[in-house]
Amino acid sequence: MDCVYLTSRHKTLVLVVLFALGDVSLEQASGQVQGSDNRQNIVHGTVVNAVTHEPVGRALVYSSDNRFATLTDGEGHFQFTLPEANLDMGTDSVFQIQSREVSSLGNVSGPSWLTARKPGFLDDPNESPQAEPYPGEDLTISLMPEGLIKGRVLVSASDLAAGIDVEIFARQVQDGTLRWMPRGSIQSNSNGEFRFAELLPGAYKLVTHELMDNDPADTVPGRQLYGFPPVYYPGVADFSAASTIQLTAGQTFQADISLLRQPYYPVRIPVTNAELNGGMPIVVSVQGQRGPGYSLGYDAGKKRIEGLLPNGNYLVGAETFGPNSSTGVLHIAVAGVPVEGPSMVLSRTSSIILNVKEEFSETNGTGSASWSDGRRTFSLHGPRLYLQVSVEAADDFQPQHGVTIRPPIGPNDDSLVIENIPPGRYWLRLSSSRGYVAAASVGAVDLLYQPLVVGPGSTEPIEITMRDDSAEIEGTVAGVTAQPAMTEGMVSRLSPPRAWVYCVPLPDSPGQFAQLAVGDGGKFQSQTMVPGVYRLLAFKSPQANLPYRDAEAMRAYDAKGQVVHLSAAQKTSVYVQIISHNE
């Protein structure tokens, strides 16, 4: 086959061509330059199925900069023969496509990272998606078979529903906490079918969006209106009661959903004392259970919440934003007739004072800093220099407001106040650039382990104690070796961590979660650990989905890792074993 030369402007096209040329066997990649065989470096490896560990043939393996690419052979093998970095061939990379070969030529070194792709497969969440190649080292890149959830939306046993929005939610970890998160929606086709692809193993739920029936016979003014309320798979009344679909790697799950046509009735709720600075979102919860599904809107001209709902019991919530933000809730029951009132009265959101007690042994402070509102500049003093505080909603589908400490309102304002907190349950998130948070409480509630409950008009202050007698830890992760030595012609580059150590405080123990990078030889250390009892868990790759704040979920690791006690102002040495995702 004749050679085709592509400049670096066509890198993306090369990747497409590799898949498109079905009649060309692209099983090896070679950077061979005529007459320079003695200056070659070889990188080779295998792409495997993360579940069965069987080889994956005809997977695309390519470098992060798209300069190198090849398809694996029938045994999942790939190989790159790379030119040395000192080749004097100009600055433009050139791609050469030949039968069974893709060449990358030019003044380049080997690829920084290699990644694999194949339709029907995803990155293995238990391994790094990018492999760092070294000449002579046999690489293994694992791919996870995708999961599928598909089904049909039916109006009756024989009638299919087209154009219905179906939304999928996944149970995911966010900042160490398990939450139900939206993953997208899709509309059923003309046959009532829907399909969610590229799903990793995990827990999922399905819900349909409500839809009004647009039958012309039923849209005549004065006639009864009908619609299709949300359905929570397999057919329950609210999101909390919906079945959880436990999807395994490569599994296809069939989920058929039946809709029920119901009468809808007008709902009108007057709102008093609303000061709008950015709209008024309305949240409708079925039987008081938060979750997606029903909706109402706010008419600012008429100063009322209005819309349509089927029969049922609902909790309607409203919220305004800005310096005078306010919230309100109202229980209503729809029972075969329109709902008129009662009125919703909005209440101001809460502001909570933070009292900080410093128990520092070092008195040299943390330097200086200032804050500006664009017109005036204020010097910051005391805890404002080092303490960051925010509140995070503790419950699923509770709005995340990103509420933090109020900026200073004057040159001598050293007060710490969190303003505009709507009623609800919140986790208090604290971090400090000086020492650590030894205690945080409101009344008898320990806010390091229990949520902050905010009601209308809550004013009880939060008490925080700061200390600086941090503990130190140093250790070794077994089985982590140094990276291969640099050979002549290789270009030096920053190396990623060889593994990760997660320090998870045991339930009811002082301590603060920490993630530590592991270097060559398996070494790791930290001089700023909060004293307490920890379980140390070591993994080869980052664990973004580790639910370290969920004591129940972390029981799966009770027999794993190393438990250590870190004492104030003391250094502790540990030895930790790598945890395999197969354990």
Protein backbone atom coordinates (compact mmCIF):
# COMPACT_ATOMS: atom_id res chain seq x y z
CA MET A 1 0.00 0.00 0.00
CA ASP A 2 1.32 3.49 -0.83
CA CYS A 3 2.46 5.68 2.04
CA VAL A 4 0.20 8.55 3.04
CA TYR A 5 1.85 11.50 4.80
CA LEU A 6 -0.15 13.70 7.17
CA THR A 7 1.16 16.80 8.91
CA SER A 8 0.54 17.45 12.58
CA ARG A 9 -2.64 19.35 11.64
CA HIS A 10 -4.26 15.97 10.87
CA LYS A 11 -3.60 14.19 14.16
CA THR A 12 -7.27 13.81 14.98
CA LEU A 13 -7.98 12.55 11.46
CA VAL A 14 -5.38 9.81 11.91
CA LEU A 15 -7.30 8.36 14.85
CA VAL A 16 -10.47 8.26 12.79
CA VAL A 17 -8.69 6.68 9.83
CA LEU A 18 -7.36 3.86 12.02
CA PHE A 19 -10.90 2.76 12.79
CA ALA A 20 -12.16 3.33 9.26
CA LEU A 21 -9.52 1.30 7.39
CA GLY A 22 -11.05 -2.10 8.03
CA ASP A 23 -9.07 -3.68 5.18
CA VAL A 24 -5.74 -2.54 6.62
CA SER A 25 -4.19 -4.55 9.45
CA LEU A 26 -2.81 -2.03 11.95
CA GLU A 27 -1.38 -4.29 14.59
CA GLN A 28 1.95 -2.60 15.32
CA ALA A 29 3.20 0.97 15.46
CA SER A 30 6.72 1.72 14.43
CA GLY A 31 8.69 4.92 14.52
CA GLN A 32 11.36 3.36 12.33
CA VAL A 33 13.54 5.80 10.49
CA GLN A 34 15.51 4.48 7.55
CA GLY A 35 19.14 3.89 8.47
CA SER A 36 18.68 4.58 12.21
CA ASP A 37 17.74 1.18 13.64
CA ASN A 38 20.46 1.50 16.27
CA ARG A 39 18.70 4.54 17.74
CA GLN A 40 15.33 2.94 18.40
CA ASN A 41 13.34 2.49 21.64
CA ILE A 42 10.53 -0.07 21.84
CA VAL A 43 7.39 0.26 23.96
CA HIS A 44 5.02 -2.72 24.01
CA GLY A 45 2.09 -4.00 26.04
CA THR A 46 -1.35 -5.58 26.12
CA VAL A 47 -4.90 -4.26 26.39
CA VAL A 48 -7.08 -6.49 28.56
CA ASN A 49 -10.69 -6.77 29.68
CA ALA A 50 -10.79 -5.47 33.28
CA VAL A 51 -13.32 -8.14 34.30
CA THR A 52 -12.23 -11.30 32.46
CA HIS A 53 -8.57 -10.26 32.00
CA GLU A 54 -8.82 -11.58 28.44
CA PRO A 55 -7.03 -9.65 25.68
CA VAL A 56 -8.95 -6.99 23.78
CA GLY A 57 -8.23 -7.09 20.06
CA ARG A 58 -8.44 -4.12 17.69
CA ALA A 59 -8.41 -1.58 20.50
CA LEU A 60 -6.95 1.80 19.61
CA VAL A 61 -3.84 2.66 21.64
CA TYR A 62 -2.64 6.23 21.25
CA SER A 63 -0.50 8.82 22.97
CA SER A 64 -1.90 11.78 24.88
CA ASP A 65 -0.53 14.18 22.26
CA ASN A 66 -1.92 12.06 19.37
CA ARG A 67 1.56 11.61 17.84
CA PHE A 68 1.50 7.81 18.17
CA ALA A 69 -1.34 5.42 17.47
CA THR A 70 -1.96 1.78 16.65
CA LEU A 71 -4.54 -0.98 16.90
CA THR A 72 -3.92 -4.06 19.02
CA ASP A 73 -3.64 -7.44 17.32
CA GLY A 74 -5.91 -10.42 17.95
CA GLU A 75 -4.09 -11.15 21.22
CA GLY A 76 -4.46 -7.58 22.49
CA HIS A 77 -0.77 -6.79 21.90
CA PHE A 78 0.62 -3.47 20.69
CA GLN A 79 4.09 -2.16 20.02
CA PHE A 80 5.67 1.20 19.26
CA THR A 81 9.19 1.64 17.93
CA LEU A 82 10.15 5.18 18.83
CA PRO A 83 12.81 7.53 17.45
CA GLU A 84 15.21 9.14 19.88
CA ALA A 85 14.68 12.73 20.92
CA ASN A 86 17.80 14.04 19.18
CA LEU A 87 16.74 13.26 15.63
CA ASP A 88 17.35 16.36 13.54
CA MET A 89 14.28 16.26 11.30
CA GLY A 90 12.60 19.59 11.94
CA THR A 91 9.87 20.54 14.37
CA ASP A 92 6.78 19.16 12.62
CA SER A 93 5.60 15.66 13.39
CA VAL A 94 4.73 13.55 10.37
CA PHE A 95 2.44 10.54 10.43
CA GLN A 96 2.98 7.71 8.00
CA ILE A 97 0.30 5.10 7.38
CA GLN A 98 1.38 1.83 5.77
CA SER A 99 0.03 -1.69 5.76
CA ARG A 100 0.41 -3.00 9.35
CA GLU A 101 2.27 0.14 10.39
CA VAL A 102 1.78 3.69 11.66
CA SER A 103 4.95 5.77 11.94
CA SER A 104 5.57 9.00 13.85
CA LEU A 105 8.64 10.82 12.62
CA GLY A 106 10.30 14.05 13.58
CA ASN A 107 12.16 15.83 16.32
CA VAL A 108 10.25 14.04 19.07
CA SER A 109 10.74 11.67 22.00
CA GLY A 110 8.45 8.86 23.02
CA PRO A 111 4.84 9.43 24.11
CA SER A 112 4.24 10.80 27.62
CA TRP A 113 1.11 8.71 28.20
CA LEU A 114 -0.73 5.93 26.42
CA THR A 115 -4.51 5.45 26.47
CA ALA A 116 -6.71 2.74 24.97
CA ARG A 117 -10.18 3.03 23.43
CA LYS A 118 -12.66 0.65 21.87
CA PRO A 119 -16.41 0.90 21.25
CA GLY A 120 -18.26 -0.99 23.97
CA PHE A 121 -15.52 -0.36 26.55
CA LEU A 122 -14.78 2.38 29.09
CA ASP A 123 -11.76 3.43 31.12
CA ASP A 124 -11.22 1.07 34.04
CA PRO A 125 -12.20 3.15 37.13
CA ASN A 126 -9.90 1.00 39.28
CA GLU A 127 -6.81 1.83 37.24
CA SER A 128 -5.25 4.98 35.87
CA PRO A 129 -6.72 5.70 32.42
CA GLN A 130 -3.26 6.69 31.18
CA ALA A 131 -0.23 4.37 31.27
CA GLU A 132 3.25 5.80 31.47
CA PRO A 133 5.46 3.95 28.95
CA TYR A 134 9.11 3.06 29.42
CA PRO A 135 11.19 1.27 26.77
CA GLY A 136 11.50 -2.42 27.51
CA GLU A 137 8.67 -2.40 30.07
CA ASP A 138 5.60 -4.52 29.29
CA LEU A 139 2.53 -2.31 29.84
CA THR A 140 -0.98 -3.49 30.66
CA ILE A 141 -3.92 -1.21 29.92
CA SER A 142 -7.32 -2.41 31.14
CA LEU A 143 -10.70 -1.46 29.71
CA MET A 144 -14.05 -1.95 31.45
CA PRO A 145 -16.97 -3.39 29.39
CA GLU A 146 -19.77 -0.82 29.27
CA GLY A 147 -23.10 -1.46 30.93
CA LEU A 148 -26.45 -0.74 29.27
CA ILE A 149 -29.89 0.10 30.64
CA LYS A 150 -32.61 0.00 28.02
CA GLY A 151 -36.35 -0.40 27.92
CA ARG A 152 -39.69 0.74 26.61
CA VAL A 153 -42.20 3.32 27.81
CA LEU A 154 -45.77 2.07 27.60
CA VAL A 155 -49.12 3.80 28.07
CA SER A 156 -50.97 0.49 28.25
CA ALA A 157 -50.13 -3.15 27.69
CA SER A 158 -50.11 -2.56 23.92
CA ASP A 159 -49.63 1.19 23.36
CA LEU A 160 -46.07 2.56 23.23
CA ALA A 161 -45.26 6.11 24.37
CA ALA A 162 -43.03 8.17 22.07
CA GLY A 163 -41.30 11.42 23.06
CA ILE A 164 -41.19 10.71 26.81
CA ASP A 165 -38.11 12.04 28.61
CA VAL A 166 -36.45 9.37 30.74
CA GLU A 167 -33.77 10.53 33.20
CA ILE A 168 -31.11 8.37 34.84
CA PHE A 169 -29.52 8.97 38.23
CA ALA A 170 -26.31 7.36 39.50
CA ARG A 171 -25.17 6.79 43.07
CA GLN A 172 -21.85 8.61 43.10
CA VAL A 173 -19.36 9.90 45.63
CA GLN A 174 -19.10 13.65 45.97
CA ASP A 175 -16.51 14.93 48.44
CA GLY A 176 -16.50 11.57 50.23
CA THR A 177 -20.31 11.37 50.49
CA LEU A 178 -22.63 9.08 48.50
CA ARG A 179 -25.28 11.03 46.60
CA TRP A 180 -27.81 10.46 43.84
CA MET A 181 -26.56 12.52 40.90
CA PRO A 182 -28.26 13.11 37.51
CA ARG A 183 -26.41 11.41 34.64
CA GLY A 184 -28.51 12.63 31.73
CA SER A 185 -31.84 12.10 30.03
CA ILE A 186 -33.02 10.68 26.74
CA GLN A 187 -36.30 10.79 24.83
CA SER A 188 -38.09 7.60 23.90
CA ASN A 189 -38.22 6.99 20.15
CA SER A 190 -41.25 6.31 17.98
CA ASN A 191 -41.34 2.75 19.30
CA GLY A 192 -41.26 3.96 22.89
CA GLU A 193 -37.69 2.69 23.32
CA PHE A 194 -34.86 4.32 25.28
CA ARG A 195 -31.25 3.29 25.86
CA PHE A 196 -28.52 4.49 28.23
CA ALA A 197 -25.04 3.34 27.21
CA GLU A 198 -21.46 3.74 28.49
CA LEU A 199 -22.45 2.99 32.09
CA LEU A 200 -19.91 1.90 34.68
CA PRO A 201 -20.78 -0.69 37.33
CA GLY A 202 -22.86 0.89 40.07
CA ALA A 203 -26.30 1.82 41.36
CA TYR A 204 -28.83 3.60 39.13
CA LYS A 205 -32.44 4.81 39.24
CA LEU A 206 -34.81 5.83 36.44
CA VAL A 207 -37.60 8.39 36.37
CA THR A 208 -39.80 9.74 33.58
CA HIS A 209 -40.58 13.44 33.29
CA GLU A 210 -44.19 14.48 33.57
CA LEU A 211 -45.91 15.33 30.29
CA MET A 212 -49.26 16.95 29.64
CA ASP A 213 -51.58 15.20 27.20
CA ASN A 214 -51.90 17.45 24.14
CA ASP A 215 -54.92 15.67 22.69
CA PRO A 216 -56.92 18.50 21.01
CA ALA A 217 -60.14 17.03 22.40
CA ASP A 218 -58.87 17.62 25.93
CA THR A 219 -57.34 21.08 25.50
CA VAL A 220 -60.60 22.96 24.94
CA PRO A 221 -60.92 25.74 27.55
CA GLY A 222 -63.03 24.63 30.48
CA ARG A 223 -62.52 20.91 29.93
CA GLN A 224 -60.62 18.60 32.26
CA LEU A 225 -56.86 18.49 31.58
CA TYR A 226 -54.92 15.24 31.60
CA GLY A 227 -51.26 14.35 31.78
CA PHE A 228 -48.76 11.63 32.54
CA PRO A 229 -47.19 12.09 36.01
CA PRO A 230 -43.58 11.04 36.63
CA VAL A 231 -43.00 7.33 37.07
CA TYR A 232 -40.17 6.13 39.30
CA TYR A 233 -39.02 2.74 38.05
CA PRO A 234 -40.57 0.22 38.34
CA GLY A 235 -43.74 2.19 39.10
CA VAL A 236 -43.73 3.75 42.57
CA ALA A 237 -44.85 7.10 43.93
CA ASP A 238 -41.55 8.84 44.76
CA PHE A 239 -37.81 8.68 44.18
CA SER A 240 -36.92 7.27 47.60
CA ALA A 241 -39.13 4.20 46.96
CA ALA A 242 -37.80 3.61 43.43
CA SER A 243 -35.89 0.38 42.81
CA THR A 244 -32.12 0.62 42.65
CA ILE A 245 -30.66 -1.02 39.55
CA GLN A 246 -27.36 -2.67 40.52
CA LEU A 247 -25.50 -2.79 37.22
CA THR A 248 -22.42 -4.97 36.79
CA ALA A 249 -19.67 -4.53 34.20
CA GLY A 250 -20.91 -5.40 30.71
CA GLN A 251 -24.47 -6.09 31.89
CA THR A 252 -27.54 -5.13 29.86
CA PHE A 253 -30.56 -4.38 32.06
CA GLN A 254 -34.11 -4.26 30.66
CA ALA A 255 -36.33 -1.68 32.38
CA ASP A 256 -39.83 -1.22 30.97
CA ILE A 257 -41.89 1.67 32.38
CA SER A 258 -45.68 1.98 32.27
CA LEU A 259 -47.29 5.43 32.37
CA LEU A 260 -50.70 6.21 33.82
CA ARG A 261 -52.81 8.99 32.36
CA GLN A 262 -54.32 11.08 35.16
CA PRO A 263 -56.38 14.26 35.52
CA TYR A 264 -54.41 17.41 36.40
CA TYR A 265 -55.83 20.33 38.42
CA PRO A 266 -54.82 24.02 38.62
CA VAL A 267 -52.76 25.06 41.65
CA ARG A 268 -52.49 28.71 42.74
CA ILE A 269 -50.57 29.70 45.88
CA PRO A 270 -50.24 33.44 46.73
CA VAL A 271 -46.83 34.50 48.09
CA THR A 272 -46.47 37.34 50.56
CA ASN A 273 -43.43 39.57 51.24
CA ALA A 274 -41.35 38.27 48.30
CA GLU A 275 -38.30 40.42 47.43
CA LEU A 276 -37.00 39.06 44.14
CA ASN A 277 -33.33 39.58 43.26
CA GLY A 278 -32.83 36.67 40.90
CA GLY A 279 -36.04 34.73 40.42
CA MET A 280 -37.82 32.30 42.70
CA PRO A 281 -37.20 28.60 42.01
CA ILE A 282 -40.00 26.33 43.17
CA VAL A 283 -39.42 22.79 44.44
CA VAL A 284 -42.28 20.29 44.58
CA SER A 285 -41.76 17.17 46.71
CA VAL A 286 -44.14 14.23 46.67
CA GLN A 287 -45.38 13.42 50.18
CA GLY A 288 -42.49 15.47 51.56
CA GLN A 289 -39.85 13.23 49.93
CA ARG A 290 -37.29 15.30 48.01
CA GLY A 291 -36.60 14.15 44.48
CA PRO A 292 -37.04 14.95 40.80
CA GLY A 293 -40.41 14.89 39.11
CA TYR A 294 -43.13 17.51 39.52
CA SER A 295 -42.86 21.24 38.85
CA LEU A 296 -44.63 24.53 39.46
CA GLY A 297 -43.62 28.08 38.54
CA TYR A 298 -43.77 31.58 39.98
CA ASP A 299 -45.67 34.44 38.30
CA ALA A 300 -43.98 37.63 39.54
CA GLY A 301 -46.76 39.82 38.15
CA LYS A 302 -49.48 37.99 40.04
CA LYS A 303 -47.17 37.22 43.00
CA ARG A 304 -48.21 33.62 43.14
CA ILE A 305 -47.00 30.09 42.55
CA GLU A 306 -49.05 28.33 39.90
CA GLY A 307 -49.22 25.31 37.64
CA LEU A 308 -50.89 21.92 37.38
CA LEU A 309 -50.66 18.82 39.58
CA PRO A 310 -52.47 15.47 39.77
CA ASN A 311 -54.11 14.15 42.93
CA GLY A 312 -51.68 13.73 45.82
CA ASN A 313 -49.99 15.31 48.84
CA TYR A 314 -47.14 17.71 48.14
CA LEU A 315 -44.61 19.90 49.91
CA VAL A 316 -44.04 23.12 47.95
CA GLY A 317 -40.87 25.09 48.67
CA ALA A 318 -39.80 28.54 47.44
CA GLU A 319 -36.60 30.51 47.81
CA THR A 320 -35.33 33.97 46.87
CA PHE A 321 -31.72 35.10 46.55
CA GLY A 322 -29.69 38.20 47.35
CA PRO A 323 -28.94 40.20 50.51
CA ASN A 324 -32.49 39.72 51.80
CA SER A 325 -32.91 36.09 50.75
CA SER A 326 -35.87 34.21 52.15
CA THR A 327 -37.56 30.81 52.00
CA GLY A 328 -40.97 29.30 52.54
CA VAL A 329 -42.68 25.90 52.52
CA LEU A 330 -46.31 24.86 52.34
CA HIS A 331 -48.13 21.51 52.43
CA ILE A 332 -50.95 21.15 49.92
CA ALA A 333 -53.32 18.33 48.99
CA VAL A 334 -54.82 17.96 45.52
CA ALA A 335 -58.05 15.95 45.70
CA GLY A 336 -60.07 16.20 42.51
CA VAL A 337 -60.52 19.98 42.54
CA PRO A 338 -58.34 23.06 41.89
CA VAL A 339 -56.19 24.32 44.79
CA GLU A 340 -56.49 28.01 45.71
CA GLY A 341 -54.15 29.02 48.54
CA PRO A 342 -53.43 29.19 51.38
CA SER A 343 -50.80 31.91 51.13
CA MET A 344 -47.09 31.13 51.56
CA VAL A 345 -45.23 33.46 53.92
CA LEU A 346 -41.49 33.75 53.27
CA SER A 347 -39.03 33.96 56.16
CA ARG A 348 -35.51 35.38 56.14
CA THR A 349 -32.70 32.85 55.86
CA SER A 350 -30.39 32.37 58.84
CA SER A 351 -27.03 33.94 59.67
CA ILE A 352 -24.74 32.05 62.06
CA ILE A 353 -21.74 33.47 63.94
CA LEU A 354 -18.49 31.50 64.23
CA ASN A 355 -16.53 31.87 67.46
CA VAL A 356 -12.92 30.71 67.04
CA LYS A 357 -10.73 29.80 70.01
CA GLU A 358 -7.00 29.63 69.19
CA GLU A 359 -4.81 27.22 71.16
CA PHE A 360 -1.63 27.73 69.15
CA SER A 361 1.80 27.06 70.63
CA GLU A 362 3.45 29.16 67.92
CA THR A 363 2.68 32.87 68.15
CA ASN A 364 4.38 34.18 65.01
CA GLY A 365 1.08 34.24 63.10
CA THR A 366 0.58 33.63 59.39
CA GLY A 367 1.68 36.85 57.71
CA SER A 368 -0.71 39.40 56.26
CA ALA A 369 -3.44 39.59 53.64
CA SER A 370 -6.10 41.99 52.44
CA TRP A 371 -9.52 41.94 50.80
CA SER A 372 -11.05 44.43 48.37
CA ASP A 373 -14.62 45.01 47.24
CA GLY A 374 -13.42 47.03 44.24
CA ARG A 375 -13.73 50.35 46.06
CA ARG A 376 -12.10 49.78 49.45
CA THR A 377 -9.30 47.50 50.67
CA PHE A 378 -9.34 45.98 54.14
CA SER A 379 -6.54 44.23 56.02
CA LEU A 380 -7.48 40.79 57.30
CA HIS A 381 -6.78 39.73 60.86
CA GLY A 382 -7.00 36.66 63.05
CA PRO A 383 -8.80 33.55 61.75
CA ARG A 384 -9.77 35.34 58.53
CA LEU A 385 -6.14 34.89 57.48
CA TYR A 386 -6.15 31.11 57.61
CA LEU A 387 -9.62 29.59 58.16
CA GLN A 388 -11.98 28.61 55.33
CA VAL A 389 -15.54 27.54 56.21
CA SER A 390 -18.47 26.53 54.03
CA VAL A 391 -21.67 24.54 54.40
CA GLU A 392 -22.65 21.67 52.11
CA ALA A 393 -26.18 20.25 51.83
CA ALA A 394 -26.36 16.88 53.58
CA ASP A 395 -29.43 15.45 51.83
CA ASP A 396 -30.03 14.31 48.27
CA PHE A 397 -31.68 16.92 46.01
CA GLN A 398 -31.19 19.64 48.61
CA PRO A 399 -29.90 22.72 46.73
CA GLN A 400 -26.17 23.41 47.08
CA HIS A 401 -25.76 27.12 47.78
CA GLY A 402 -21.99 27.40 48.24
CA VAL A 403 -22.46 29.50 51.38
CA THR A 404 -19.17 30.68 52.95
CA ILE A 405 -17.93 33.28 55.44
CA ARG A 406 -19.19 36.80 54.72
CA PRO A 407 -16.47 39.22 53.51
CA PRO A 408 -15.53 42.04 55.93
CA ILE A 409 -17.92 44.96 55.87
CA GLY A 410 -15.45 47.46 57.35
CA PRO A 411 -11.76 47.99 58.20
CA ASN A 412 -12.17 46.55 61.72
CA ASP A 413 -14.61 43.76 60.94
CA ASP A 414 -12.97 40.60 62.27
CA SER A 415 -16.29 38.82 62.84
CA LEU A 416 -16.88 35.48 61.14
CA VAL A 417 -20.47 35.07 59.94
CA ILE A 418 -22.09 32.62 57.51
CA GLU A 419 -25.09 34.39 55.99
CA ASN A 420 -28.18 33.37 54.03
CA ILE A 421 -28.43 29.70 55.06
CA PRO A 422 -31.85 28.26 54.13
CA PRO A 423 -33.47 25.73 56.48
CA GLY A 424 -32.05 22.24 56.07
CA ARG A 425 -29.29 19.84 57.13
CA TYR A 426 -25.69 20.72 56.28
CA TRP A 427 -22.18 19.40 56.66
CA LEU A 428 -19.74 21.97 57.95
CA ARG A 429 -16.59 21.93 55.79
CA LEU A 430 -13.52 23.47 57.41
CA SER A 431 -9.93 23.81 56.22
CA SER A 432 -7.04 25.81 57.54
CA SER A 433 -3.62 26.94 56.34
CA ARG A 434 -2.50 27.23 59.96
CA GLY A 435 -2.74 24.29 62.36
CA TYR A 436 -5.96 22.27 62.27
CA VAL A 437 -9.56 22.31 63.48
CA ALA A 438 -9.54 20.37 66.78
CA ALA A 439 -13.27 20.83 67.52
CA ALA A 440 -16.41 22.36 66.01
CA SER A 441 -19.81 22.29 67.69
CA VAL A 442 -23.15 24.00 68.05
CA GLY A 443 -24.72 23.32 71.41
CA ALA A 444 -24.22 19.60 72.10
CA VAL A 445 -23.84 18.69 68.40
CA ASP A 446 -20.33 17.73 67.25
CA LEU A 447 -20.19 19.20 63.75
CA LEU A 448 -17.10 17.19 62.79
CA TYR A 449 -19.31 14.07 62.77
CA GLN A 450 -22.94 15.27 62.70
CA PRO A 451 -24.79 17.63 60.35
CA LEU A 452 -25.70 21.18 61.23
CA VAL A 453 -29.50 21.51 61.39
CA VAL A 454 -30.68 24.99 60.40
CA GLY A 455 -34.26 26.03 61.06
CA PRO A 456 -36.05 29.31 60.34
CA GLY A 457 -34.25 32.04 62.27
CA SER A 458 -31.44 29.83 63.66
CA THR A 459 -28.91 31.99 65.52
CA GLU A 460 -26.98 29.68 67.89
CA PRO A 461 -23.25 30.26 67.25
CA ILE A 462 -20.74 27.63 66.12
CA GLU A 463 -17.79 27.14 68.45
CA ILE A 464 -14.46 26.22 66.78
CA THR A 465 -11.15 25.33 68.45
CA MET A 466 -7.85 25.60 66.55
CA ARG A 467 -4.56 23.86 67.49
CA ASP A 468 -1.14 23.54 65.84
CA ASP A 469 0.36 20.42 67.47
CA SER A 470 0.00 18.42 64.24
CA ALA A 471 1.14 14.82 63.94
CA GLU A 472 3.65 13.55 61.38
CA ILE A 473 3.53 10.37 59.35
CA GLU A 474 6.02 8.68 57.07
CA GLY A 475 5.74 5.30 55.45
CA THR A 476 6.35 2.82 52.69
CA VAL A 477 3.88 1.11 50.39
CA ALA A 478 4.90 -2.47 49.67
CA GLY A 479 5.55 -3.49 46.08
CA VAL A 480 6.01 0.03 44.69
CA THR A 481 9.35 0.17 42.95
CA ALA A 482 11.32 3.01 41.47
CA GLN A 483 10.61 3.91 37.86
CA PRO A 484 12.99 2.46 35.26
CA ALA A 485 16.29 4.30 34.92
CA MET A 486 16.64 6.81 32.11
CA THR A 487 18.48 5.44 29.10
CA GLU A 488 20.49 7.40 26.57
CA GLY A 489 18.23 9.42 24.31
CA MET A 490 15.22 9.45 26.67
CA VAL A 491 13.73 12.83 27.57
CA SER A 492 13.20 13.59 31.27
CA ARG A 493 9.65 14.39 32.34
CA LEU A 494 7.75 14.74 35.58
CA SER A 495 6.64 11.36 36.87
CA PRO A 496 3.16 10.90 38.35
CA PRO A 497 2.66 9.36 41.81
CA ARG A 498 3.40 5.64 41.85
CA ALA A 499 0.44 5.00 44.18
CA TRP A 500 -1.91 6.79 46.60
CA VAL A 501 -2.48 6.47 50.33
CA TYR A 502 -5.83 7.51 51.82
CA CYS A 503 -5.91 8.34 55.53
CA VAL A 504 -9.51 7.80 56.71
CA PRO A 505 -10.37 8.70 60.33
CA LEU A 506 -12.15 5.90 62.16
CA PRO A 507 -15.75 6.63 63.25
CA ASP A 508 -15.96 8.85 66.34
CA SER A 509 -12.19 9.44 66.26
CA PRO A 510 -10.57 12.85 65.87
CA GLY A 511 -8.80 13.27 62.58
CA GLN A 512 -9.21 14.71 59.11
CA PHE A 513 -9.23 12.82 55.82
CA ALA A 514 -6.00 13.14 53.83
CA GLN A 515 -4.81 11.88 50.44
CA LEU A 516 -1.05 11.34 50.15
CA ALA A 517 0.93 10.75 46.95
CA VAL A 518 3.43 7.89 46.89
CA GLY A 519 6.79 8.43 45.21
CA ASP A 520 9.59 6.19 44.00
CA GLY A 521 10.29 3.24 46.23
CA GLY A 522 6.82 3.49 47.76
CA LYS A 523 7.70 6.40 50.06
CA PHE A 524 5.10 8.87 51.39
CA GLN A 525 4.95 11.43 54.20
CA SER A 526 2.99 14.31 55.71
CA GLN A 527 3.93 16.74 58.49
CA THR A 528 0.47 18.26 58.91
CA MET A 529 -1.77 15.38 59.98
CA VAL A 530 -4.58 15.99 62.47
CA PRO A 531 -4.03 13.75 65.51
CA GLY A 532 -6.38 10.77 65.65
CA VAL A 533 -6.89 7.13 64.72
CA TYR A 534 -6.84 6.38 60.98
CA ARG A 535 -7.23 3.50 58.58
CA LEU A 536 -4.58 3.82 55.86
CA LEU A 537 -5.64 2.45 52.46
CA ALA A 538 -3.13 2.25 49.60
CA PHE A 539 -4.14 1.96 45.93
CA LYS A 540 -2.27 1.99 42.63
CA SER A 541 -4.56 4.67 41.20
CA PRO A 542 -6.63 7.60 42.56
CA GLN A 543 -9.91 6.57 44.20
CA ALA A 544 -12.31 9.38 43.34
CA ASN A 545 -15.26 7.25 44.48
CA LEU A 546 -13.99 6.38 47.96
CA PRO A 547 -16.93 7.18 50.34
CA TYR A 548 -14.65 8.15 53.22
CA ARG A 549 -17.33 10.21 55.00
CA ASP A 550 -19.84 7.31 55.01
CA ALA A 551 -19.11 5.02 57.98
CA GLU A 552 -21.53 2.35 56.74
CA ALA A 553 -20.01 2.22 53.25
CA MET A 554 -16.46 2.17 54.67
CA ARG A 555 -17.19 -1.06 56.56
CA ALA A 556 -16.20 -2.84 53.34
CA TYR A 557 -12.60 -1.87 54.23
CA ASP A 558 -12.67 -3.05 57.86
CA ALA A 559 -10.29 -5.95 57.12
CA LYS A 560 -8.06 -3.93 54.79
CA GLY A 561 -5.30 -1.41 55.17
CA GLN A 562 -3.40 -0.45 58.29
CA VAL A 563 -4.87 1.17 61.43
CA VAL A 564 -2.53 3.74 63.02
CA HIS A 565 -2.75 6.12 65.96
CA LEU A 566 -1.25 9.53 65.24
CA SER A 567 -0.37 11.45 68.41
CA ALA A 568 -0.05 15.22 68.66
CA ALA A 569 3.46 16.51 67.89
CA GLN A 570 4.72 12.95 67.29
CA LYS A 571 6.04 11.15 64.20
CA THR A 572 4.75 7.69 63.24
CA SER A 573 6.25 5.30 60.68
CA VAL A 574 4.06 2.75 58.92
CA TYR A 575 4.23 0.00 56.28
CA VAL A 576 1.16 -0.43 54.05
CA GLN A 577 0.11 -3.06 51.50
CA ILE A 578 -1.44 -2.15 48.16
CA ILE A 579 -5.15 -3.02 47.96
CA SER A 580 -6.15 -4.75 44.72
CA HIS A 581 -9.55 -3.91 43.24
CA ASN A 582 -10.18 -7.66 43.10
CA GLU A 583 -10.07 -7.93 46.89
